[in-house]
C-alpha atoms as a PDB file:
ATOM      1  CA  UNK A   1      -0.083   0.109   0.023  1.00  0.00           C
ATOM      2  CA  UNK A   2       1.396   3.573  -1.064  1.00  0.00           C
ATOM      3  CA  UNK A   3       2.234   5.871   1.685  1.00  0.00           C
ATOM      4  CA  UNK A   4      -0.423   8.652   2.241  1.00  0.00           C
ATOM      5  CA  UNK A   5       0.311  11.980   0.591  1.00  0.00           C
ATOM      6  CA  UNK A   6       2.218  14.401   2.671  1.00  0.00           C
ATOM      7  CA  UNK A   7       0.262  17.611   4.026  1.00  0.00           C
ATOM      8  CA  UNK A   8       3.384  19.263   4.329  1.00  0.00           C
ATOM      9  CA  UNK A   9       4.319  19.150   0.758  1.00  0.00           C
ATOM     10  CA  UNK A  10       0.689  19.111  -0.904  1.00  0.00           C
ATOM     11  CA  UNK A  11      -0.900  22.539  -1.717  1.00  0.00           C
ATOM     12  CA  UNK A  12      -3.217  23.652   1.366  1.00  0.00           C
ATOM     13  CA  UNK A  13      -6.679  22.218   1.294  1.00  0.00           C
ATOM     14  CA  UNK A  14      -6.205  19.362  -1.376  1.00  0.00           C
ATOM     15  CA  UNK A  15      -6.147  16.420   1.038  1.00  0.00           C
ATOM     16  CA  UNK A  16      -9.345  15.226   2.717  1.00  0.00           C
ATOM     17  CA  UNK A  17     -10.242  12.951   5.616  1.00  0.00           C
ATOM     18  CA  UNK A  18     -12.340   9.775   4.748  1.00  0.00           C
ATOM     19  CA  UNK A  19     -15.326  10.765   6.783  1.00  0.00           C
ATOM     20  CA  UNK A  20     -17.760  13.707   6.675  1.00  0.00           C
ATOM     21  CA  UNK A  21     -20.782  14.959   8.602  1.00  0.00           C
ATOM     22  CA  UNK A  22     -23.930  15.833   6.694  1.00  0.00           C
ATOM     23  CA  UNK A  23     -27.392  17.365   7.450  1.00  0.00           C
ATOM     24  CA  UNK A  24     -30.346  18.420   5.408  1.00  0.00           C
ATOM     25  CA  UNK A  25     -32.529  21.356   5.983  1.00  0.00           C
ATOM     26  CA  UNK A  26     -36.170  22.651   5.182  1.00  0.00           C
ATOM     27  CA  UNK A  27     -39.078  24.478   6.297  1.00  0.00           C
ATOM     28  CA  UNK A  28     -39.280  22.122   9.351  1.00  0.00           C
ATOM     29  CA  UNK A  29     -35.554  22.337  10.309  1.00  0.00           C
ATOM     30  CA  UNK A  30     -32.573  20.540   9.847  1.00  0.00           C
ATOM     31  CA  UNK A  31     -32.059  16.635  10.060  1.00  0.00           C
ATOM     32  CA  UNK A  32     -28.770  14.983  11.199  1.00  0.00           C
ATOM     33  CA  UNK A  33     -28.216  11.313  11.647  1.00  0.00           C
ATOM     34  CA  UNK A  34     -25.758  11.882  14.569  1.00  0.00           C
ATOM     35  CA  UNK A  35     -22.775  10.405  12.998  1.00  0.00           C
ATOM     36  CA  UNK A  36     -19.941  11.028  10.546  1.00  0.00           C
ATOM     37  CA  UNK A  37     -20.365   8.901   7.321  1.00  0.00           C
ATOM     38  CA  UNK A  38     -18.073   8.044   4.433  1.00  0.00           C
ATOM     39  CA  UNK A  39     -16.836  11.049   2.425  1.00  0.00           C
ATOM     40  CA  UNK A  40     -18.345  10.469  -0.961  1.00  0.00           C
ATOM     41  CA  UNK A  41     -19.502  12.536  -3.975  1.00  0.00           C
ATOM     42  CA  UNK A  42     -22.894  14.519  -3.926  1.00  0.00           C
ATOM     43  CA  UNK A  43     -25.437  14.085  -7.002  1.00  0.00           C
ATOM     44  CA  UNK A  44     -26.875  17.538  -7.832  1.00  0.00           C
ATOM     45  CA  UNK A  45     -29.693  18.546 -10.409  1.00  0.00           C
ATOM     46  CA  UNK A  46     -28.158  20.939 -12.785  1.00  0.00           C
ATOM     47  CA  UNK A  47     -31.216  23.257 -11.820  1.00  0.00           C
ATOM     48  CA  UNK A  48     -30.134  23.394  -8.036  1.00  0.00           C
ATOM     49  CA  UNK A  49     -30.363  26.833  -6.634  1.00  0.00           C
ATOM     50  CA  UNK A  50     -26.594  27.158  -5.505  1.00  0.00           C
ATOM     51  CA  UNK A  51     -25.257  26.545  -9.137  1.00  0.00           C
ATOM     52  CA  UNK A  52     -27.242  29.563 -10.134  1.00  0.00           C
ATOM     53  CA  UNK A  53     -27.405  32.112  -7.458  1.00  0.00           C
ATOM     54  CA  UNK A  54     -24.546  31.457  -5.227  1.00  0.00           C
ATOM     55  CA  UNK A  55     -26.598  30.516  -2.315  1.00  0.00           C
ATOM     56  CA  UNK A  56     -23.545  29.163  -0.347  1.00  0.00           C
ATOM     57  CA  UNK A  57     -21.311  29.970   2.413  1.00  0.00           C
ATOM     58  CA  UNK A  58     -18.602  28.218   4.535  1.00  0.00           C
ATOM     59  CA  UNK A  59     -16.425  28.249   7.553  1.00  0.00           C
ATOM     60  CA  UNK A  60     -12.797  27.491   8.095  1.00  0.00           C
ATOM     61  CA  UNK A  61     -11.275  26.196  11.496  1.00  0.00           C
ATOM     62  CA  UNK A  62      -8.633  23.892  12.888  1.00  0.00           C
ATOM     63  CA  UNK A  63      -8.188  21.107  15.086  1.00  0.00           C
ATOM     64  CA  UNK A  64      -4.795  20.622  16.640  1.00  0.00           C
ATOM     65  CA  UNK A  65      -2.929  17.600  17.947  1.00  0.00           C
ATOM     66  CA  UNK A  66      -2.023  18.495  21.498  1.00  0.00           C
ATOM     67  CA  UNK A  67       1.071  18.180  23.598  1.00  0.00           C
ATOM     68  CA  UNK A  68      -0.683  15.358  25.728  1.00  0.00           C
ATOM     69  CA  UNK A  69      -1.762  13.302  22.612  1.00  0.00           C
ATOM     70  CA  UNK A  70      -5.345  14.594  22.485  1.00  0.00           C
ATOM     71  CA  UNK A  71      -7.140  16.473  19.673  1.00  0.00           C
ATOM     72  CA  UNK A  72      -8.784  20.034  20.276  1.00  0.00           C
ATOM     73  CA  UNK A  73     -10.414  22.243  17.955  1.00  0.00           C
ATOM     74  CA  UNK A  74      -9.456  25.966  18.458  1.00  0.00           C
ATOM     75  CA  UNK A  75     -12.193  28.537  19.049  1.00  0.00           C
ATOM     76  CA  UNK A  76     -14.900  26.174  18.203  1.00  0.00           C
ATOM     77  CA  UNK A  77     -18.021  28.252  19.573  1.00  0.00           C
ATOM     78  CA  UNK A  78     -16.841  31.228  17.760  1.00  0.00           C
ATOM     79  CA  UNK A  79     -16.616  29.469  14.594  1.00  0.00           C
ATOM     80  CA  UNK A  80     -20.053  28.126  14.938  1.00  0.00           C
ATOM     81  CA  UNK A  81     -21.327  31.593  15.690  1.00  0.00           C
ATOM     82  CA  UNK A  82     -19.766  32.940  12.582  1.00  0.00           C
ATOM     83  CA  UNK A  83     -20.951  30.237  10.431  1.00  0.00           C
ATOM     84  CA  UNK A  84     -24.532  30.856  11.530  1.00  0.00           C
ATOM     85  CA  UNK A  85     -24.016  34.448  10.945  1.00  0.00           C
ATOM     86  CA  UNK A  86     -22.978  33.956   7.415  1.00  0.00           C
ATOM     87  CA  UNK A  87     -26.253  31.737   6.859  1.00  0.00           C
ATOM     88  CA  UNK A  88     -28.350  34.222   8.228  1.00  0.00           C
ATOM     89  CA  UNK A  89     -26.989  37.171   6.110  1.00  0.00           C
ATOM     90  CA  UNK A  90     -27.654  34.857   3.179  1.00  0.00           C
ATOM     91  CA  UNK A  91     -31.250  34.606   4.284  1.00  0.00           C
ATOM     92  CA  UNK A  92     -31.297  30.907   4.473  1.00  0.00           C
ATOM     93  CA  UNK A  93     -32.532  28.826   7.293  1.00  0.00           C
ATOM     94  CA  UNK A  94     -30.015  28.975  10.280  1.00  0.00           C
ATOM     95  CA  UNK A  95     -29.541  25.495  11.787  1.00  0.00           C
ATOM     96  CA  UNK A  96     -29.467  25.353  15.727  1.00  0.00           C
ATOM     97  CA  UNK A  97     -26.161  26.031  17.495  1.00  0.00           C
ATOM     98  CA  UNK A  98     -26.054  22.376  19.209  1.00  0.00           C
ATOM     99  CA  UNK A  99     -26.548  20.919  15.791  1.00  0.00           C
ATOM    100  CA  UNK A 100     -23.677  22.857  14.138  1.00  0.00           C
ATOM    101  CA  UNK A 101     -21.544  22.293  17.134  1.00  0.00           C
ATOM    102  CA  UNK A 102     -22.132  18.647  17.153  1.00  0.00           C
ATOM    103  CA  UNK A 103     -21.363  18.202  13.226  1.00  0.00           C
ATOM    104  CA  UNK A 104     -17.968  20.110  13.726  1.00  0.00           C
ATOM    105  CA  UNK A 105     -16.983  17.832  16.636  1.00  0.00           C
ATOM    106  CA  UNK A 106     -18.160  14.574  15.003  1.00  0.00           C
ATOM    107  CA  UNK A 107     -16.147  15.361  11.758  1.00  0.00           C
ATOM    108  CA  UNK A 108     -12.928  16.260  13.643  1.00  0.00           C
ATOM    109  CA  UNK A 109     -13.282  13.221  15.866  1.00  0.00           C
ATOM    110  CA  UNK A 110     -14.152  10.884  12.937  1.00  0.00           C
ATOM    111  CA  UNK A 111     -10.893  12.013  11.128  1.00  0.00           C
ATOM    112  CA  UNK A 112      -8.520  12.470  13.890  1.00  0.00           C
ATOM    113  CA  UNK A 113      -6.235   9.976  12.762  1.00  0.00           C
ATOM    114  CA  UNK A 114      -5.525  12.260   9.640  1.00  0.00           C
ATOM    115  CA  UNK A 115      -4.360  14.915  11.723  1.00  0.00           C
ATOM    116  CA  UNK A 116      -0.529  15.930  11.021  1.00  0.00           C
ATOM    117  CA  UNK A 117       1.684  17.039  13.881  1.00  0.00           C
ATOM    118  CA  UNK A 118       2.564  20.595  14.364  1.00  0.00           C
ATOM    119  CA  UNK A 119       2.916  22.851  12.710  1.00  0.00           C
ATOM    120  CA  UNK A 120       0.157  20.859  10.771  1.00  0.00           C
ATOM    121  CA  UNK A 121      -3.380  20.654  11.813  1.00  0.00           C
ATOM    122  CA  UNK A 122      -6.758  19.257  10.669  1.00  0.00           C
ATOM    123  CA  UNK A 123      -8.612  22.074   8.667  1.00  0.00           C
ATOM    124  CA  UNK A 124     -12.573  21.935   9.131  1.00  0.00           C
ATOM    125  CA  UNK A 125     -14.538  23.122   6.069  1.00  0.00           C
ATOM    126  CA  UNK A 126     -18.262  23.415   7.064  1.00  0.00           C
ATOM    127  CA  UNK A 127     -20.259  24.415   4.140  1.00  0.00           C
ATOM    128  CA  UNK A 128     -23.888  25.201   3.373  1.00  0.00           C
ATOM    129  CA  UNK A 129     -25.663  25.185  -0.058  1.00  0.00           C
ATOM    130  CA  UNK A 130     -29.066  26.241  -1.203  1.00  0.00           C
ATOM    131  CA  UNK A 131     -30.552  23.010  -2.838  1.00  0.00           C
ATOM    132  CA  UNK A 132     -33.840  24.117  -3.954  1.00  0.00           C
ATOM    133  CA  UNK A 133     -34.618  22.932  -7.757  1.00  0.00           C
ATOM    134  CA  UNK A 134     -35.560  26.497  -8.956  1.00  0.00           C
ATOM    135  CA  UNK A 135     -33.819  28.455 -11.787  1.00  0.00           C
ATOM    136  CA  UNK A 136     -36.421  31.144 -11.311  1.00  0.00           C
ATOM    137  CA  UNK A 137     -35.500  32.249  -7.791  1.00  0.00           C
ATOM    138  CA  UNK A 138     -33.024  35.067  -8.383  1.00  0.00           C
ATOM    139  CA  UNK A 139     -34.718  37.161  -5.842  1.00  0.00           C
ATOM    140  CA  UNK A 140     -35.541  34.307  -3.332  1.00  0.00           C
ATOM    141  CA  UNK A 141     -33.434  32.347  -1.109  1.00  0.00           C
ATOM    142  CA  UNK A 142     -33.251  28.583  -1.230  1.00  0.00           C
ATOM    143  CA  UNK A 143     -35.861  26.995   1.322  1.00  0.00           C
ATOM    144  CA  UNK A 144     -33.952  23.731   1.370  1.00  0.00           C
ATOM    145  CA  UNK A 145     -30.293  23.160   2.362  1.00  0.00           C
ATOM    146  CA  UNK A 146     -27.440  20.823   2.399  1.00  0.00           C
ATOM    147  CA  UNK A 147     -25.035  21.346   5.364  1.00  0.00           C
ATOM    148  CA  UNK A 148     -21.782  19.331   5.485  1.00  0.00           C
ATOM    149  CA  UNK A 149     -18.390  19.503   7.044  1.00  0.00           C
ATOM    150  CA  UNK A 150     -15.329  18.206   5.228  1.00  0.00           C
ATOM    151  CA  UNK A 151     -11.734  17.990   6.874  1.00  0.00           C
ATOM    152  CA  UNK A 152      -8.285  18.471   5.467  1.00  0.00           C
ATOM    153  CA  UNK A 153      -4.875  17.541   6.776  1.00  0.00           C
ATOM    154  CA  UNK A 154      -2.955  20.633   5.995  1.00  0.00           C
ATOM    155  CA  UNK A 155       0.593  22.130   6.486  1.00  0.00           C
ATOM    156  CA  UNK A 156       1.338  25.822   5.912  1.00  0.00           C
ATOM    157  CA  UNK A 157      -0.808  27.976   3.984  1.00  0.00           C
ATOM    158  CA  UNK A 158       1.691  29.994   2.172  1.00  0.00           C
ATOM    159  CA  UNK A 159       4.364  27.815   0.275  1.00  0.00           C
ATOM    160  CA  UNK A 160       7.739  28.035   2.132  1.00  0.00           C
ATOM    161  CA  UNK A 161       6.445  28.092   5.588  1.00  0.00           C
ATOM    162  CA  UNK A 162       7.056  31.193   7.694  1.00  0.00           C
ATOM    163  CA  UNK A 163       8.673  33.695   5.519  1.00  0.00           C
ATOM    164  CA  UNK A 164       8.301  37.507   4.768  1.00  0.00           C
ATOM    165  CA  UNK A 165       5.390  37.804   2.145  1.00  0.00           C
ATOM    166  CA  UNK A 166       5.159  40.587  -0.573  1.00  0.00           C
ATOM    167  CA  UNK A 167       1.949  42.578  -0.617  1.00  0.00           C
ATOM    168  CA  UNK A 168       0.674  44.884  -3.106  1.00  0.00           C
ATOM    169  CA  UNK A 169      -1.507  47.756  -1.663  1.00  0.00           C
ATOM    170  CA  UNK A 170      -4.472  48.211  -4.115  1.00  0.00           C
ATOM    171  CA  UNK A 171      -6.257  51.619  -3.774  1.00  0.00           C
ATOM    172  CA  UNK A 172      -8.792  51.536  -6.442  1.00  0.00           C
ATOM    173  CA  UNK A 173     -10.319  48.089  -6.737  1.00  0.00           C
ATOM    174  CA  UNK A 174     -12.638  47.315  -3.796  1.00  0.00           C
ATOM    175  CA  UNK A 175     -12.372  43.626  -2.548  1.00  0.00           C
ATOM    176  CA  UNK A 176     -16.020  43.092  -2.311  1.00  0.00           C
ATOM    177  CA  UNK A 177     -19.258  44.933  -1.959  1.00  0.00           C
ATOM    178  CA  UNK A 178     -19.360  46.960   1.684  1.00  0.00           C
ATOM    179  CA  UNK A 179     -22.449  45.215   2.711  1.00  0.00           C
ATOM    180  CA  UNK A 180     -21.320  41.716   2.092  1.00  0.00           C
ATOM    181  CA  UNK A 181     -17.850  41.751   3.244  1.00  0.00           C
ATOM    182  CA  UNK A 182     -18.182  40.050   6.431  1.00  0.00           C
ATOM    183  CA  UNK A 183     -20.138  36.992   4.974  1.00  0.00           C
ATOM    184  CA  UNK A 184     -17.721  33.888   4.432  1.00  0.00           C
ATOM    185  CA  UNK A 185     -19.163  33.233   1.076  1.00  0.00           C
ATOM    186  CA  UNK A 186     -17.400  32.004  -2.246  1.00  0.00           C
ATOM    187  CA  UNK A 187     -18.885  34.936  -4.025  1.00  0.00           C
ATOM    188  CA  UNK A 188     -17.166  37.281  -1.711  1.00  0.00           C
ATOM    189  CA  UNK A 189     -13.712  35.598  -2.281  1.00  0.00           C
ATOM    190  CA  UNK A 190     -14.255  35.600  -6.027  1.00  0.00           C
ATOM    191  CA  UNK A 191     -14.544  39.341  -6.297  1.00  0.00           C
ATOM    192  CA  UNK A 192     -10.858  39.552  -4.961  1.00  0.00           C
ATOM    193  CA  UNK A 193      -9.606  36.882  -7.293  1.00  0.00           C
ATOM    194  CA  UNK A 194      -8.935  38.837 -10.443  1.00  0.00           C
ATOM    195  CA  UNK A 195      -7.072  41.670  -8.997  1.00  0.00           C
ATOM    196  CA  UNK A 196      -4.972  39.232  -6.950  1.00  0.00           C
ATOM    197  CA  UNK A 197      -4.041  36.957  -9.822  1.00  0.00           C
ATOM    198  CA  UNK A 198      -3.057  40.201 -12.061  1.00  0.00           C
ATOM    199  CA  UNK A 199      -1.080  41.549  -9.130  1.00  0.00           C
ATOM    200  CA  UNK A 200       0.833  37.998  -8.884  1.00  0.00           C
ATOM    201  CA  UNK A 201       1.589  38.159 -12.627  1.00  0.00           C
ATOM    202  CA  UNK A 202       2.774  41.727 -12.693  1.00  0.00           C
ATOM    203  CA  UNK A 203       4.614  41.895  -9.607  1.00  0.00           C
ATOM    204  CA  UNK A 204       5.190  38.308  -8.347  1.00  0.00           C
ATOM    205  CA  UNK A 205       3.453  39.206  -5.117  1.00  0.00           C
ATOM    206  CA  UNK A 206       1.864  36.845  -2.481  1.00  0.00           C
ATOM    207  CA  UNK A 207      -1.304  38.873  -1.822  1.00  0.00           C
ATOM    208  CA  UNK A 208      -3.240  42.005  -2.232  1.00  0.00           C
ATOM    209  CA  UNK A 209      -4.139  44.451   0.567  1.00  0.00           C
ATOM    210  CA  UNK A 210      -7.115  46.231  -0.492  1.00  0.00           C
ATOM    211  CA  UNK A 211      -7.240  49.857   0.601  1.00  0.00           C
ATOM    212  CA  UNK A 212     -10.028  51.390  -1.486  1.00  0.00           C
ATOM    213  CA  UNK A 213      -9.701  55.139  -1.726  1.00  0.00           C
ATOM    214  CA  UNK A 214      -7.052  54.570   0.875  1.00  0.00           C
ATOM    215  CA  UNK A 215      -9.066  52.869   3.317  1.00  0.00           C
ATOM    216  CA  UNK A 216      -7.297  49.615   4.287  1.00  0.00           C
ATOM    217  CA  UNK A 217      -9.577  46.496   4.874  1.00  0.00           C
ATOM    218  CA  UNK A 218      -7.905  43.257   4.602  1.00  0.00           C
ATOM    219  CA  UNK A 219      -6.395  40.977   1.841  1.00  0.00           C
ATOM    220  CA  UNK A 220      -8.448  38.558  -0.210  1.00  0.00           C
ATOM    221  CA  UNK A 221      -8.295  36.039   2.656  1.00  0.00           C
ATOM    222  CA  UNK A 222      -6.507  37.696   5.697  1.00  0.00           C
ATOM    223  CA  UNK A 223      -6.529  40.467   8.043  1.00  0.00           C
ATOM    224  CA  UNK A 224      -3.827  43.025   8.256  1.00  0.00           C
ATOM    225  CA  UNK A 225      -1.809  44.419  11.307  1.00  0.00           C
ATOM    226  CA  UNK A 226       1.143  46.893  12.089  1.00  0.00           C
ATOM    227  CA  UNK A 227       3.032  46.128  15.372  1.00  0.00           C
ATOM    228  CA  UNK A 228       5.976  47.725  16.986  1.00  0.00           C
ATOM    229  CA  UNK A 229       7.272  47.241  20.560  1.00  0.00           C
ATOM    230  CA  UNK A 230       4.435  48.776  22.112  1.00  0.00           C
ATOM    231  CA  UNK A 231       1.342  49.082  20.062  1.00  0.00           C
ATOM    232  CA  UNK A 232      -0.621  46.778  17.709  1.00  0.00           C
ATOM    233  CA  UNK A 233      -2.806  48.454  15.086  1.00  0.00           C
ATOM    234  CA  UNK A 234      -5.357  47.000  12.880  1.00  0.00           C
ATOM    235  CA  UNK A 235      -8.447  48.286  10.866  1.00  0.00           C
ATOM    236  CA  UNK A 236     -11.740  48.759  12.963  1.00  0.00           C
ATOM    237  CA  UNK A 237     -14.398  46.262  12.374  1.00  0.00           C
ATOM    238  CA  UNK A 238     -17.301  46.891   9.843  1.00  0.00           C
ATOM    239  CA  UNK A 239     -19.445  45.045   7.430  1.00  0.00           C
ATOM    240  CA  UNK A 240     -16.834  45.511   4.528  1.00  0.00           C
ATOM    241  CA  UNK A 241     -14.489  42.916   5.573  1.00  0.00           C
ATOM    242  CA  UNK A 242     -14.204  39.537   7.350  1.00  0.00           C
ATOM    243  CA  UNK A 243     -14.296  39.441  11.272  1.00  0.00           C
ATOM    244  CA  UNK A 244     -11.290  37.268  11.488  1.00  0.00           C
ATOM    245  CA  UNK A 245     -11.459  34.894  14.689  1.00  0.00           C
ATOM    246  CA  UNK A 246      -7.719  34.647  14.567  1.00  0.00           C
ATOM    247  CA  UNK A 247      -7.690  38.479  14.549  1.00  0.00           C
ATOM    248  CA  UNK A 248      -9.859  38.403  17.650  1.00  0.00           C
ATOM    249  CA  UNK A 249      -7.326  35.850  19.232  1.00  0.00           C
ATOM    250  CA  UNK A 250      -4.400  38.028  18.372  1.00  0.00           C
ATOM    251  CA  UNK A 251      -5.826  41.168  20.063  1.00  0.00           C
ATOM    252  CA  UNK A 252      -6.636  39.369  23.145  1.00  0.00           C
ATOM    253  CA  UNK A 253      -3.250  37.790  23.324  1.00  0.00           C
ATOM    254  CA  UNK A 254      -1.331  40.922  22.453  1.00  0.00           C
ATOM    255  CA  UNK A 255      -3.213  42.712  25.313  1.00  0.00           C
ATOM    256  CA  UNK A 256      -2.187  39.866  27.772  1.00  0.00           C
ATOM    257  CA  UNK A 257       1.382  40.548  26.463  1.00  0.00           C
ATOM    258  CA  UNK A 258       1.397  44.197  27.296  1.00  0.00           C
ATOM    259  CA  UNK A 259       0.812  45.715  23.905  1.00  0.00           C
ATOM    260  CA  UNK A 260      -1.534  48.856  23.445  1.00  0.00           C
ATOM    261  CA  UNK A 261      -4.263  48.007  21.098  1.00  0.00           C
ATOM    262  CA  UNK A 262      -5.443  50.430  18.541  1.00  0.00           C
ATOM    263  CA  UNK A 263      -8.626  49.559  16.276  1.00  0.00           C
ATOM    264  CA  UNK A 264      -9.127  52.360  14.035  1.00  0.00           C
ATOM    265  CA  UNK A 265      -8.951  53.304  10.364  1.00  0.00           C
ATOM    266  CA  UNK A 266      -5.781  52.551   8.693  1.00  0.00           C
ATOM    267  CA  UNK A 267      -4.754  54.723   5.720  1.00  0.00           C
ATOM    268  CA  UNK A 268      -2.799  53.400   2.958  1.00  0.00           C
ATOM    269  CA  UNK A 269      -0.276  56.237   3.274  1.00  0.00           C
ATOM    270  CA  UNK A 270       0.287  55.390   6.823  1.00  0.00           C
ATOM    271  CA  UNK A 271       1.306  51.817   6.038  1.00  0.00           C
ATOM    272  CA  UNK A 272       3.621  53.192   3.454  1.00  0.00           C
ATOM    273  CA  UNK A 273       4.926  55.781   5.647  1.00  0.00           C
ATOM    274  CA  UNK A 274       5.793  53.437   8.706  1.00  0.00           C
ATOM    275  CA  UNK A 275       7.255  50.509   6.604  1.00  0.00           C
ATOM    276  CA  UNK A 276      10.819  51.507   7.624  1.00  0.00           C
ATOM    277  CA  UNK A 277      10.420  51.010  11.174  1.00  0.00           C
ATOM    278  CA  UNK A 278       7.094  49.004  11.857  1.00  0.00           C
ATOM    279  CA  UNK A 279       6.412  45.178  11.519  1.00  0.00           C
ATOM    280  CA  UNK A 280       3.519  44.059   9.400  1.00  0.00           C
ATOM    281  CA  UNK A 281       1.774  40.864   9.258  1.00  0.00           C
ATOM    282  CA  UNK A 282      -1.325  38.875   7.942  1.00  0.00           C
ATOM    283  CA  UNK A 283      -3.801  36.881   9.878  1.00  0.00           C
ATOM    284  CA  UNK A 284      -6.206  34.050   9.309  1.00  0.00           C
ATOM    285  CA  UNK A 285      -7.250  30.537  10.374  1.00  0.00           C
ATOM    286  CA  UNK A 286      -5.191  29.200   7.401  1.00  0.00           C
ATOM    287  CA  UNK A 287      -2.282  31.747   7.372  1.00  0.00           C
ATOM    288  CA  UNK A 288      -2.010  31.735  11.261  1.00  0.00           C
ATOM    289  CA  UNK A 289       0.394  34.946  11.296  1.00  0.00           C
ATOM    290  CA  UNK A 290       2.412  35.668   8.352  1.00  0.00           C
ATOM    291  CA  UNK A 291       4.933  38.350   8.369  1.00  0.00           C
ATOM    292  CA  UNK A 292       5.039  40.839   5.620  1.00  0.00           C
ATOM    293  CA  UNK A 293       8.378  41.869   4.291  1.00  0.00           C
ATOM    294  CA  UNK A 294       7.749  43.843   1.047  1.00  0.00           C
ATOM    295  CA  UNK A 295       4.996  46.292  -0.024  1.00  0.00           C
ATOM    296  CA  UNK A 296       4.285  47.231  -3.624  1.00  0.00           C
ATOM    297  CA  UNK A 297       2.586  50.672  -3.711  1.00  0.00           C
ATOM    298  CA  UNK A 298       1.939  52.388  -7.006  1.00  0.00           C
ATOM    299  CA  UNK A 299       4.275  50.216  -8.920  1.00  0.00           C
ATOM    300  CA  UNK A 300       7.331  50.942  -6.572  1.00  0.00           C
ATOM    301  CA  UNK A 301       8.685  48.365  -3.953  1.00  0.00           C
ATOM    302  CA  UNK A 302       9.285  49.255  -0.338  1.00  0.00           C
ATOM    303  CA  UNK A 303      11.014  46.972   2.202  1.00  0.00           C
ATOM    304  CA  UNK A 304       9.214  46.584   5.568  1.00  0.00           C
ATOM    305  CA  UNK A 305      12.106  47.316   7.954  1.00  0.00           C
ATOM    306  CA  UNK A 306      14.853  44.872   6.969  1.00  0.00           C
ATOM    307  CA  UNK A 307      12.531  42.814   4.884  1.00  0.00           C
ATOM    308  CA  UNK A 308      12.624  39.693   7.511  1.00  0.00           C
ATOM    309  CA  UNK A 309      10.073  38.595   9.975  1.00  0.00           C
ATOM    310  CA  UNK A 310      10.263  40.932  12.953  1.00  0.00           C
ATOM    311  CA  UNK A 311      10.715  39.968  16.706  1.00  0.00           C
ATOM    312  CA  UNK A 312       7.096  41.124  17.945  1.00  0.00           C
ATOM    313  CA  UNK A 313       5.472  39.314  15.092  1.00  0.00           C
ATOM    314  CA  UNK A 314       7.221  36.027  15.952  1.00  0.00           C
ATOM    315  CA  UNK A 315       6.526  36.510  19.489  1.00  0.00           C
ATOM    316  CA  UNK A 316       2.849  36.755  18.798  1.00  0.00           C
ATOM    317  CA  UNK A 317       2.965  33.677  16.522  1.00  0.00           C
ATOM    318  CA  UNK A 318       4.858  31.690  18.881  1.00  0.00           C
ATOM    319  CA  UNK A 319       2.377  32.474  21.734  1.00  0.00           C
ATOM    320  CA  UNK A 320      -0.781  31.622  19.533  1.00  0.00           C
ATOM    321  CA  UNK A 321       0.570  28.349  18.306  1.00  0.00           C
ATOM    322  CA  UNK A 322       1.409  27.282  21.868  1.00  0.00           C
ATOM    323  CA  UNK A 323      -2.187  27.719  22.916  1.00  0.00           C
ATOM    324  CA  UNK A 324      -3.550  26.127  19.798  1.00  0.00           C
ATOM    325  CA  UNK A 325      -1.229  23.048  20.214  1.00  0.00           C
ATOM    326  CA  UNK A 326      -1.779  22.527  24.022  1.00  0.00           C
ATOM    327  CA  UNK A 327       2.101  23.394  25.022  1.00  0.00           C
ATOM    328  CA  UNK A 328       0.792  26.523  26.916  1.00  0.00           C
ATOM    329  CA  UNK A 329      -2.009  27.325  29.150  1.00  0.00           C
ATOM    330  CA  UNK A 330      -5.546  28.455  27.795  1.00  0.00           C
ATOM    331  CA  UNK A 331      -6.756  31.226  30.028  1.00  0.00           C
ATOM    332  CA  UNK A 332      -9.465  32.206  27.578  1.00  0.00           C
ATOM    333  CA  UNK A 333     -10.957  28.764  27.148  1.00  0.00           C
ATOM    334  CA  UNK A 334     -10.238  28.559  23.355  1.00  0.00           C
ATOM    335  CA  UNK A 335      -9.550  24.834  22.971  1.00  0.00           C
ATOM    336  CA  UNK A 336     -12.286  22.191  23.038  1.00  0.00           C
ATOM    337  CA  UNK A 337     -11.028  18.786  23.342  1.00  0.00           C
ATOM    338  CA  UNK A 338     -12.694  16.177  21.036  1.00  0.00           C
ATOM    339  CA  UNK A 339     -10.251  13.206  20.821  1.00  0.00           C
END
């Protein structure tokens, strides 16, 4: 029998566990068997609502192998709440918290053997799609739904591990529509895809930081931070971009470590001006904390400090990973042991 593919050399999200959890929803609520089932393909009618009107949203969270040999999901309840919020904003039937929580736990438990050691993890991808057979419902949400949870053994999100990223700051094109930015939906991410691919082709960058009319929000898939020895700065929350749970974790941990927190407007011009002496990084469930080493602004390249990961960035990353993997205390109760 051939060896299983290596999650540290395979692209992020391309490997899968062999079990998934599935529930169906309708006017009378959701039905879930209460157990994981074998991973298998779905059969879908060509007129299914999601294929025509993008009635879909998802969530992303991780289960980590712990120092004591168990498995723990990081910030389970916060991800459950954000997933339910996305479903509500898409105007589809919202499943009960306990059902969603059980499906997340059951999927992680059933696929625990696929979890790679740190710095790898078991990535959970809950997804909800509109399943009505109706191609005339452009102005109506789907009344029936399919909810499922996949798992994927993963290594680092950015190829090459923890390394300084190159970021283009885009000040003209919006990342998404302002009222839809906090919905974790494929349509939301698709809007950032074209500008990101263009920037990668022209400037060989890793990501694009969207700062429409100079007002910074996030990249296509991560929140953005400035940090020095005293202060952590990030854009204040509104509906124009995703409310990152890793972002929230970082703000709490930075406060615990003695940093002053500023959640405020973050003009693109300030980012450029502070690049010579201020560390910068991205954060997200997939990326964890990823240092930024280079900015591309108006076609010109600017190094962030010396172009290398900074000590404050690495300090926060190490502290976060230690809590996720159980090698540090969990004072805020973020770990949920599942196996």
